[in-house]
Amino acid sequence: MSEGLGLVHIPRLQGRGHMGIKCGLENIRALLDGLGRPDANFPVLLVAGTNGKGSTGAFLAHMLKAAGFVVGWTTSPHLVDVTERVWVDGEPIGEGALELLLGEAFDSEARTGVTATYFELMITAALSAFRMTGVEVAILEVGMGGRWDATNATDPILTVLTNVSLDHQQYLGDTREAIAREKLCTARDGRPLVLGPTLDPEWIRPLLPCAPVLCSAQRLGPADIRWDHSRVAGQRVGLAGLHQLDNLATAFEAVRQLRGLGFPVPEERLWEGVAATRWPGRLWAPPGLQALWMDGAHNPDGARVLADHALACGVRPHLFFGAMGDKDLAGVAREMKRMRPLSVTFIQGDAPRYAKVGALREAWGLEAPMLDLREAAALLRTPAEVPRLVTGSLYLLGDLLRELGIHAF
């Protein structure tokens, strides 16, 4: 996308990427108020957590769509195209529609006198898209933390917390308890708070800033776990890994709570939605390439479940790793080395945030080769029989997909 194609507001949005994190909900509230509170036109579900937010949202969106609802879903980050962040009734929003809605968001910004961040503008555009298209339920993936996240300016009827682990400590705090307190600000008094199977309600309860109704998801099973899919209760689950069954269990519990709130969700349609669920970048095989898998694991907990899955399936891949320099490189490397990869190759993208070769070699304790994006793409296009796994960052996956000319959707 470029201004040469007649776009104005999408390039303007890209220019806000440097603004980073902003504490406070005043900006997003001003933007939404200036547009007549688009979020007041449909029920909102918030999905928070360190890992698994996108996958849980994907399951939930596809299940509700299969049940007959018109569903809006917003997620982040995107892999290849910014339109991926706004999903309406099964498809990413069109580029022209996003351009129009961002124009409205920028107009609201000008009228209210605020200076909004990239994420605030995107959430405003997403909520306007959902109003415009008449969605019957909107699923909003919380960005980072929760207390000051733009999605928290809405009034959710239900909140999901998938899990809590260490990530973004420079913003959220150095302990799981501190991070949980930030995320739990997305809960609301008297409304369901769905907890993923790894979260103990007794650990959560004293950290809460309000009094939601705690609803714990129960693990699914027995399960047959394969490298590229699972089976549970005789049903195929296309998102692979035991951790994805936890995300699926969380989505099922959210649906159960929605029924209690009056949503007519027929049980027999839910597994159709599960079967239809796809979520690029999460142990995903991009089309047109042999024996190549991509996973966006970027913190120690994500790396742990990825390594556990490889070990459980007896898969020893050739590993291609790149990451942002502000991540826990040593913690991620420690977990990923447990899968005993046949080889390790580092990848460095063009953006300044990418970890440099010295930091990667120190974290891994390896003098592994370093490729740039073009070299890595050329190598990954070659035929292979042994699995190759690209991981360490969703931003890396997106940069590689652009270099390979592959769209995520």
Protein backbone atom coordinates (compact mmCIF):
# COMPACT_ATOMS: atom_id res chain seq x y z
CA MET A 1 0.00 0.00 0.00
CA SER A 2 1.22 3.45 -0.83
CA GLU A 3 0.08 6.98 -1.44
CA GLY A 4 0.66 6.29 -5.14
CA LEU A 5 -2.38 3.99 -5.03
CA GLY A 6 -4.56 6.85 -3.85
CA LEU A 7 -4.33 6.05 -0.15
CA VAL A 8 -3.89 8.85 2.35
CA HIS A 9 -5.00 7.73 5.78
CA ILE A 10 -3.39 4.29 5.87
CA PRO A 11 0.06 5.83 5.25
CA ARG A 12 -0.78 8.49 7.88
CA LEU A 13 -1.51 5.67 10.31
CA GLN A 14 1.86 4.04 9.61
CA GLY A 15 3.48 7.34 10.60
CA ARG A 16 2.05 6.97 14.10
CA GLY A 17 3.95 3.77 14.75
CA HIS A 18 6.80 5.65 16.42
CA MET A 19 4.60 7.00 19.20
CA GLY A 20 4.76 3.81 21.26
CA ILE A 21 2.75 3.28 24.44
CA LYS A 22 0.59 5.94 26.06
CA CYS A 23 -0.94 5.57 29.54
CA GLY A 24 -4.51 6.74 29.86
CA LEU A 25 -7.85 6.24 28.11
CA GLU A 26 -8.63 9.91 27.50
CA ASN A 27 -7.59 9.83 23.83
CA ILE A 28 -9.58 6.78 22.82
CA ARG A 29 -12.64 7.98 24.72
CA ALA A 30 -12.42 11.34 22.94
CA LEU A 31 -12.13 9.65 19.54
CA LEU A 32 -15.11 7.38 20.21
CA ASP A 33 -17.21 10.17 21.69
CA GLY A 34 -16.46 12.27 18.61
CA LEU A 35 -17.92 9.49 16.44
CA GLY A 36 -21.03 8.90 18.57
CA ARG A 37 -19.65 5.89 20.46
CA PRO A 38 -19.75 3.23 17.74
CA ASP A 39 -19.09 0.57 20.39
CA ALA A 40 -22.51 1.25 21.95
CA ASN A 41 -24.18 -0.52 19.00
CA PHE A 42 -23.18 -4.12 19.76
CA PRO A 43 -22.07 -6.33 22.68
CA VAL A 44 -18.30 -6.41 23.23
CA LEU A 45 -16.11 -9.27 24.45
CA LEU A 46 -12.55 -8.51 25.56
CA VAL A 47 -9.81 -11.16 25.24
CA ALA A 48 -6.74 -10.44 27.39
CA GLY A 49 -3.69 -12.51 28.32
CA THR A 50 0.03 -12.87 27.70
CA ASN A 51 -0.23 -15.63 25.10
CA GLY A 52 -3.11 -17.26 23.26
CA LYS A 53 -5.28 -14.15 22.83
CA GLY A 54 -5.29 -14.37 19.05
CA SER A 55 -5.91 -18.11 18.92
CA THR A 56 -8.69 -17.94 21.52
CA GLY A 57 -10.25 -15.06 19.61
CA ALA A 58 -9.94 -17.01 16.35
CA PHE A 59 -11.73 -20.02 17.82
CA LEU A 60 -14.42 -17.82 19.37
CA ALA A 61 -14.97 -15.77 16.20
CA HIS A 62 -15.27 -18.84 13.98
CA MET A 63 -17.53 -20.66 16.46
CA LEU A 64 -19.93 -17.73 16.75
CA LYS A 65 -19.94 -17.25 12.98
CA ALA A 66 -20.79 -20.93 12.50
CA ALA A 67 -23.62 -20.46 15.03
CA GLY A 68 -25.12 -17.81 12.77
CA PHE A 69 -23.87 -14.55 14.28
CA VAL A 70 -22.38 -11.67 12.30
CA VAL A 71 -19.05 -11.33 14.10
CA GLY A 72 -16.52 -8.52 14.27
CA TRP A 73 -13.04 -9.30 15.55
CA THR A 74 -10.00 -7.08 15.95
CA THR A 75 -6.53 -8.44 16.63
CA SER A 76 -2.89 -7.38 16.55
CA PRO A 77 -0.27 -7.29 15.23
CA HIS A 78 -0.89 -7.98 11.57
CA LEU A 79 1.49 -10.15 9.58
CA VAL A 80 1.48 -8.72 6.05
CA ASP A 81 -1.37 -6.25 5.61
CA VAL A 82 -2.90 -3.85 8.14
CA THR A 83 -6.39 -4.89 7.02
CA GLU A 84 -5.80 -8.21 8.82
CA ARG A 85 -6.44 -6.39 12.11
CA VAL A 86 -10.17 -5.90 11.40
CA TRP A 87 -12.19 -9.02 10.62
CA VAL A 88 -15.89 -8.86 9.75
CA ASP A 89 -17.98 -12.00 9.28
CA GLY A 90 -15.08 -14.19 8.27
CA GLU A 91 -12.91 -11.88 6.17
CA PRO A 92 -10.43 -9.05 6.74
CA ILE A 93 -11.89 -5.64 6.00
CA GLY A 94 -11.27 -4.21 2.53
CA GLU A 95 -8.52 -1.67 2.02
CA GLY A 96 -10.96 0.97 0.76
CA ALA A 97 -13.21 0.56 3.79
CA LEU A 98 -10.27 0.84 6.18
CA GLU A 99 -9.06 3.97 4.40
CA LEU A 100 -12.52 5.54 4.80
CA LEU A 101 -12.86 4.59 8.47
CA LEU A 102 -9.37 5.80 9.33
CA GLY A 103 -10.29 9.10 7.69
CA GLU A 104 -13.23 9.36 10.11
CA ALA A 105 -10.91 8.53 13.04
CA PHE A 106 -8.44 11.24 11.98
CA ASP A 107 -11.32 13.71 11.59
CA SER A 108 -12.46 12.92 15.14
CA GLU A 109 -8.89 13.41 16.32
CA ALA A 110 -8.77 16.85 14.70
CA ARG A 111 -12.12 17.89 16.17
CA THR A 112 -11.24 16.77 19.70
CA GLY A 113 -7.69 18.13 19.70
CA VAL A 114 -5.98 14.90 20.83
CA THR A 115 -2.96 13.19 19.27
CA ALA A 116 -3.75 9.49 19.05
CA THR A 117 -1.45 6.49 18.79
CA TYR A 118 -1.48 3.90 16.01
CA PHE A 119 -3.40 1.45 18.20
CA GLU A 120 -5.98 4.03 19.33
CA LEU A 121 -6.73 4.96 15.73
CA MET A 122 -6.96 1.32 14.65
CA ILE A 123 -9.35 0.40 17.47
CA THR A 124 -11.49 3.42 16.61
CA ALA A 125 -11.59 2.36 12.94
CA ALA A 126 -12.39 -1.24 13.91
CA LEU A 127 -15.30 -0.25 16.14
CA SER A 128 -16.63 2.06 13.42
CA ALA A 129 -16.37 -0.84 10.94
CA PHE A 130 -18.39 -3.04 13.25
CA ARG A 131 -21.11 -0.39 13.53
CA MET A 132 -21.12 0.16 9.77
CA THR A 133 -21.48 -3.56 8.99
CA GLY A 134 -24.06 -4.30 11.69
CA VAL A 135 -22.14 -6.94 13.63
CA GLU A 136 -24.09 -8.76 16.33
CA VAL A 137 -21.08 -9.32 18.59
CA ALA A 138 -17.56 -7.87 18.62
CA ILE A 139 -14.45 -9.63 19.93
CA LEU A 140 -11.63 -7.25 20.83
CA GLU A 141 -8.13 -8.58 21.45
CA VAL A 142 -6.47 -6.51 24.18
CA GLY A 143 -3.11 -5.21 22.99
CA MET A 144 -0.68 -5.01 25.91
CA GLY A 145 -1.65 -5.25 29.54
CA GLY A 146 -5.21 -4.00 29.86
CA ARG A 147 -5.52 -1.08 32.25
CA TRP A 148 -4.57 1.56 29.65
CA ASP A 149 -5.25 -0.45 26.51
CA ALA A 150 -7.56 1.27 24.02
CA THR A 151 -9.93 -1.71 24.01
CA ASN A 152 -10.59 -1.08 27.72
CA ALA A 153 -12.49 2.13 26.86
CA THR A 154 -15.41 -0.12 25.86
CA ASP A 155 -17.95 -1.71 28.22
CA PRO A 156 -17.58 -5.48 27.73
CA ILE A 157 -20.34 -7.90 28.67
CA LEU A 158 -17.67 -10.59 29.17
CA THR A 159 -13.89 -10.67 29.55
CA VAL A 160 -11.51 -13.55 28.84
CA LEU A 161 -8.07 -13.92 30.45
CA THR A 162 -6.16 -16.68 28.66
CA ASN A 163 -3.04 -16.84 30.88
CA VAL A 164 -0.43 -14.69 32.59
CA SER A 165 3.33 -14.93 32.15
CA LEU A 166 6.32 -12.62 31.94
CA ASP A 167 6.41 -10.28 28.94
CA HIS A 168 6.59 -6.49 28.48
CA GLN A 169 7.99 -6.20 32.01
CA GLN A 170 9.29 -2.69 31.30
CA TYR A 171 5.65 -1.56 31.03
CA LEU A 172 3.66 -4.03 33.14
CA GLY A 173 5.92 -4.99 36.05
CA ASP A 174 8.46 -7.65 36.91
CA THR A 175 6.19 -10.29 38.48
CA ARG A 176 3.25 -12.36 37.28
CA GLU A 177 1.15 -10.73 39.99
CA ALA A 178 1.93 -7.21 38.76
CA ILE A 179 1.22 -8.20 35.16
CA ALA A 180 -2.04 -9.92 36.18
CA ARG A 181 -3.23 -6.78 37.95
CA GLU A 182 -2.80 -4.79 34.73
CA LYS A 183 -4.68 -7.37 32.67
CA LEU A 184 -7.46 -7.81 35.22
CA CYS A 185 -8.46 -4.18 34.81
CA THR A 186 -10.37 -5.41 31.75
CA ALA A 187 -12.85 -7.25 34.00
CA ARG A 188 -16.14 -5.67 35.10
CA ASP A 189 -18.23 -5.91 38.26
CA GLY A 190 -20.83 -8.66 38.15
CA ARG A 191 -19.92 -9.81 34.65
CA PRO A 192 -18.25 -13.07 33.60
CA LEU A 193 -14.46 -13.27 33.67
CA VAL A 194 -13.47 -16.45 31.84
CA LEU A 195 -10.12 -17.85 33.01
CA GLY A 196 -7.95 -20.13 30.89
CA PRO A 197 -7.26 -23.63 32.27
CA THR A 198 -3.80 -22.70 33.60
CA LEU A 199 -5.13 -19.91 35.85
CA ASP A 200 -6.11 -20.69 39.46
CA PRO A 201 -9.12 -18.61 40.57
CA GLU A 202 -7.69 -18.47 44.09
CA TRP A 203 -4.52 -16.85 42.72
CA ILE A 204 -6.57 -14.44 40.63
CA ARG A 205 -9.10 -13.38 43.27
CA PRO A 206 -6.90 -11.16 45.49
CA LEU A 207 -5.45 -9.42 42.42
CA LEU A 208 -8.81 -8.23 41.10
CA PRO A 209 -9.71 -4.52 41.13
CA CYS A 210 -13.43 -5.34 40.96
CA ALA A 211 -15.86 -8.23 41.55
CA PRO A 212 -16.54 -10.15 38.32
CA VAL A 213 -18.04 -13.64 38.20
CA LEU A 214 -15.08 -16.02 37.85
CA CYS A 215 -15.62 -18.80 35.29
CA SER A 216 -12.83 -21.35 34.91
CA ALA A 217 -12.35 -23.20 31.62
CA GLN A 218 -11.89 -26.95 31.99
CA ARG A 219 -9.33 -28.81 29.91
CA LEU A 220 -10.55 -30.85 26.97
CA GLY A 221 -9.63 -34.47 26.45
CA PRO A 222 -8.62 -37.12 25.76
CA ALA A 223 -6.64 -35.70 22.88
CA ASP A 224 -4.55 -37.11 20.06
CA ILE A 225 -1.77 -34.58 19.44
CA ARG A 226 0.00 -34.49 16.07
CA TRP A 227 2.58 -32.00 14.76
CA ASP A 228 0.11 -30.25 12.44
CA HIS A 229 -3.25 -30.87 14.14
CA SER A 230 -5.01 -32.48 17.09
CA ARG A 231 -8.12 -34.56 17.64
CA VAL A 232 -10.33 -34.20 20.69
CA ALA A 233 -13.69 -35.87 21.26
CA GLY A 234 -13.33 -37.29 17.75
CA GLN A 235 -13.15 -33.82 16.24
CA ARG A 236 -10.25 -32.35 14.26
CA VAL A 237 -8.62 -29.16 15.58
CA GLY A 238 -6.51 -27.48 12.92
CA LEU A 239 -4.53 -25.23 15.29
CA ALA A 240 -1.82 -27.58 16.49
CA GLY A 241 -0.41 -28.12 19.97
CA LEU A 242 -1.68 -28.97 23.44
CA HIS A 243 -1.71 -25.25 24.27
CA GLN A 244 -4.24 -24.70 21.49
CA LEU A 245 -6.59 -27.12 23.21
CA ASP A 246 -6.36 -24.86 26.28
CA ASN A 247 -7.25 -21.90 24.07
CA LEU A 248 -10.14 -23.90 22.61
CA ALA A 249 -11.37 -24.83 26.09
CA THR A 250 -11.32 -21.15 27.00
CA ALA A 251 -13.38 -20.29 23.92
CA PHE A 252 -15.91 -23.02 24.78
CA GLU A 253 -16.28 -21.61 28.31
CA ALA A 254 -16.80 -18.12 26.88
CA VAL A 255 -19.58 -19.51 24.66
CA ARG A 256 -21.15 -21.22 27.69
CA GLN A 257 -21.19 -17.89 29.52
CA LEU A 258 -22.68 -16.14 26.48
CA ARG A 259 -25.53 -18.64 26.56
CA GLY A 260 -26.12 -17.66 30.17
CA LEU A 261 -26.34 -14.04 29.03
CA GLY A 262 -29.08 -14.94 26.54
CA PHE A 263 -27.13 -15.65 23.35
CA PRO A 264 -28.76 -18.55 21.43
CA VAL A 265 -25.65 -20.54 20.47
CA PRO A 266 -26.49 -24.08 19.24
CA GLU A 267 -23.99 -26.67 20.47
CA GLU A 268 -24.05 -28.68 17.25
CA ARG A 269 -22.64 -25.79 15.20
CA LEU A 270 -19.63 -25.06 17.42
CA TRP A 271 -17.39 -27.84 16.10
CA GLU A 272 -18.05 -26.62 12.55
CA GLY A 273 -16.50 -23.33 13.63
CA VAL A 274 -13.56 -25.11 15.24
CA ALA A 275 -12.92 -27.07 12.05
CA ALA A 276 -12.99 -23.82 10.04
CA THR A 277 -10.59 -21.96 12.34
CA ARG A 278 -7.28 -20.91 10.86
CA TRP A 279 -4.83 -18.49 12.38
CA PRO A 280 -1.72 -17.73 10.30
CA GLY A 281 1.56 -17.48 12.15
CA ARG A 282 0.68 -19.97 14.87
CA LEU A 283 2.41 -23.23 13.91
CA TRP A 284 1.22 -22.52 10.40
CA ALA A 285 2.39 -23.92 7.07
CA PRO A 286 2.45 -21.03 4.55
CA PRO A 287 1.14 -22.09 1.13
CA GLY A 288 3.47 -23.01 -1.70
CA LEU A 289 6.55 -23.93 0.37
CA GLN A 290 7.78 -27.36 1.33
CA ALA A 291 8.22 -28.50 4.96
CA LEU A 292 8.07 -24.94 6.28
CA TRP A 293 6.31 -23.94 9.48
CA MET A 294 5.97 -20.53 11.11
CA ASP A 295 5.18 -19.76 14.74
CA GLY A 296 5.19 -16.36 16.42
CA ALA A 297 6.45 -17.51 19.85
CA HIS A 298 8.33 -14.50 21.25
CA ASN A 299 8.53 -14.93 25.03
CA PRO A 300 9.73 -17.79 27.26
CA ASP A 301 6.24 -19.16 27.89
CA GLY A 302 5.41 -19.24 24.18
CA ALA A 303 8.77 -20.84 23.45
CA ARG A 304 8.16 -23.43 26.17
CA VAL A 305 4.86 -24.66 24.71
CA LEU A 306 6.36 -24.73 21.21
CA ALA A 307 9.30 -26.82 22.42
CA ASP A 308 6.99 -29.09 24.40
CA HIS A 309 4.94 -29.70 21.26
CA ALA A 310 7.99 -30.53 19.14
CA LEU A 311 9.27 -32.94 21.80
CA ALA A 312 5.87 -34.60 22.20
CA CYS A 313 5.65 -35.15 18.44
CA GLY A 314 9.28 -36.26 18.02
CA VAL A 315 10.02 -33.42 15.61
CA ARG A 316 13.55 -31.99 15.41
CA PRO A 317 13.38 -29.10 12.96
CA HIS A 318 15.95 -26.88 11.33
CA LEU A 319 15.31 -23.70 13.32
CA PHE A 320 15.33 -20.18 11.88
CA PHE A 321 15.18 -17.59 14.64
CA GLY A 322 14.85 -13.82 14.77
CA ALA A 323 13.47 -11.58 17.49
CA MET A 324 13.04 -8.05 18.69
CA GLY A 325 15.96 -6.82 20.77
CA ASP A 326 13.80 -5.85 23.77
CA LYS A 327 12.62 -9.43 24.35
CA ASP A 328 14.01 -11.99 26.82
CA LEU A 329 16.33 -13.55 24.27
CA ALA A 330 18.10 -15.82 26.74
CA GLY A 331 14.82 -17.07 28.22
CA VAL A 332 13.39 -17.83 24.78
CA ALA A 333 16.61 -19.53 23.65
CA ARG A 334 16.73 -21.68 26.80
CA GLU A 335 13.28 -23.08 26.03
CA MET A 336 13.74 -23.51 22.29
CA LYS A 337 17.02 -25.35 22.68
CA ARG A 338 15.09 -28.11 24.45
CA MET A 339 13.63 -29.21 21.10
CA ARG A 340 17.19 -30.12 20.03
CA PRO A 341 16.98 -28.51 16.58
CA LEU A 342 19.07 -30.06 13.83
CA SER A 343 20.47 -26.61 13.08
CA VAL A 344 19.97 -22.98 14.12
CA THR A 345 20.11 -20.03 11.74
CA PHE A 346 19.54 -16.44 12.83
CA ILE A 347 17.56 -13.91 10.80
CA GLN A 348 17.79 -10.15 11.15
CA GLY A 349 15.21 -7.87 9.61
CA ASP A 350 15.64 -4.29 8.46
CA ALA A 351 13.87 -2.56 11.37
CA PRO A 352 16.06 -1.16 14.18
CA ARG A 353 14.14 -3.17 16.80
CA TYR A 354 15.56 -6.48 15.56
CA ALA A 355 18.11 -8.17 17.82
CA LYS A 356 21.63 -7.98 16.39
CA VAL A 357 23.80 -10.98 15.71
CA GLY A 358 25.96 -10.49 18.80
CA ALA A 359 22.96 -10.47 21.14
CA LEU A 360 21.49 -13.56 19.48
CA ARG A 361 24.72 -15.53 19.63
CA GLU A 362 25.20 -14.59 23.28
CA ALA A 363 21.64 -15.62 24.17
CA TRP A 364 21.89 -18.96 22.37
CA GLY A 365 25.54 -19.68 23.14
CA LEU A 366 26.01 -20.51 19.45
CA GLU A 367 28.07 -19.07 16.61
CA ALA A 368 25.16 -19.68 14.27
CA PRO A 369 25.05 -18.00 10.84
CA MET A 370 23.02 -14.81 10.35
CA LEU A 371 20.88 -14.17 7.26
CA ASP A 372 19.06 -11.05 6.19
CA LEU A 373 15.43 -11.30 5.04
CA ARG A 374 16.28 -11.70 1.36
CA GLU A 375 18.82 -14.45 2.02
CA ALA A 376 16.42 -16.24 4.36
CA ALA A 377 13.55 -16.05 1.87
CA ALA A 378 15.73 -17.47 -0.91
CA LEU A 379 16.80 -20.38 1.30
CA LEU A 380 13.25 -21.13 2.47
CA ARG A 381 12.00 -21.30 -1.12
CA THR A 382 14.24 -24.32 -1.78
CA PRO A 383 12.72 -27.82 -1.51
CA ALA A 384 13.10 -29.65 1.81
CA GLU A 385 11.92 -32.84 3.49
CA VAL A 386 12.88 -32.25 7.14
CA PRO A 387 10.63 -29.64 8.86
CA ARG A 388 11.97 -26.09 8.98
CA LEU A 389 10.58 -23.86 11.71
CA VAL A 390 10.73 -20.05 11.59
CA THR A 391 10.01 -18.48 14.96
CA GLY A 392 10.84 -15.77 17.50
CA SER A 393 8.59 -12.89 16.43
CA LEU A 394 5.32 -12.23 14.61
CA TYR A 395 7.03 -9.20 13.07
CA LEU A 396 9.71 -11.49 11.64
CA LEU A 397 7.04 -13.76 10.14
CA GLY A 398 5.33 -10.79 8.52
CA ASP A 399 8.56 -9.43 7.08
CA LEU A 400 9.45 -12.85 5.65
CA LEU A 401 5.99 -13.36 4.17
CA ARG A 402 6.25 -9.99 2.40
CA GLU A 403 9.67 -10.97 1.07
CA LEU A 404 8.24 -14.31 -0.10
CA GLY A 405 5.21 -12.65 -1.69
CA ILE A 406 2.75 -14.65 0.44
CA HIS A 407 -0.42 -13.20 1.94
CA ALA A 408 -1.60 -14.42 5.34
CA PHE A 409 -5.28 -14.45 4.30
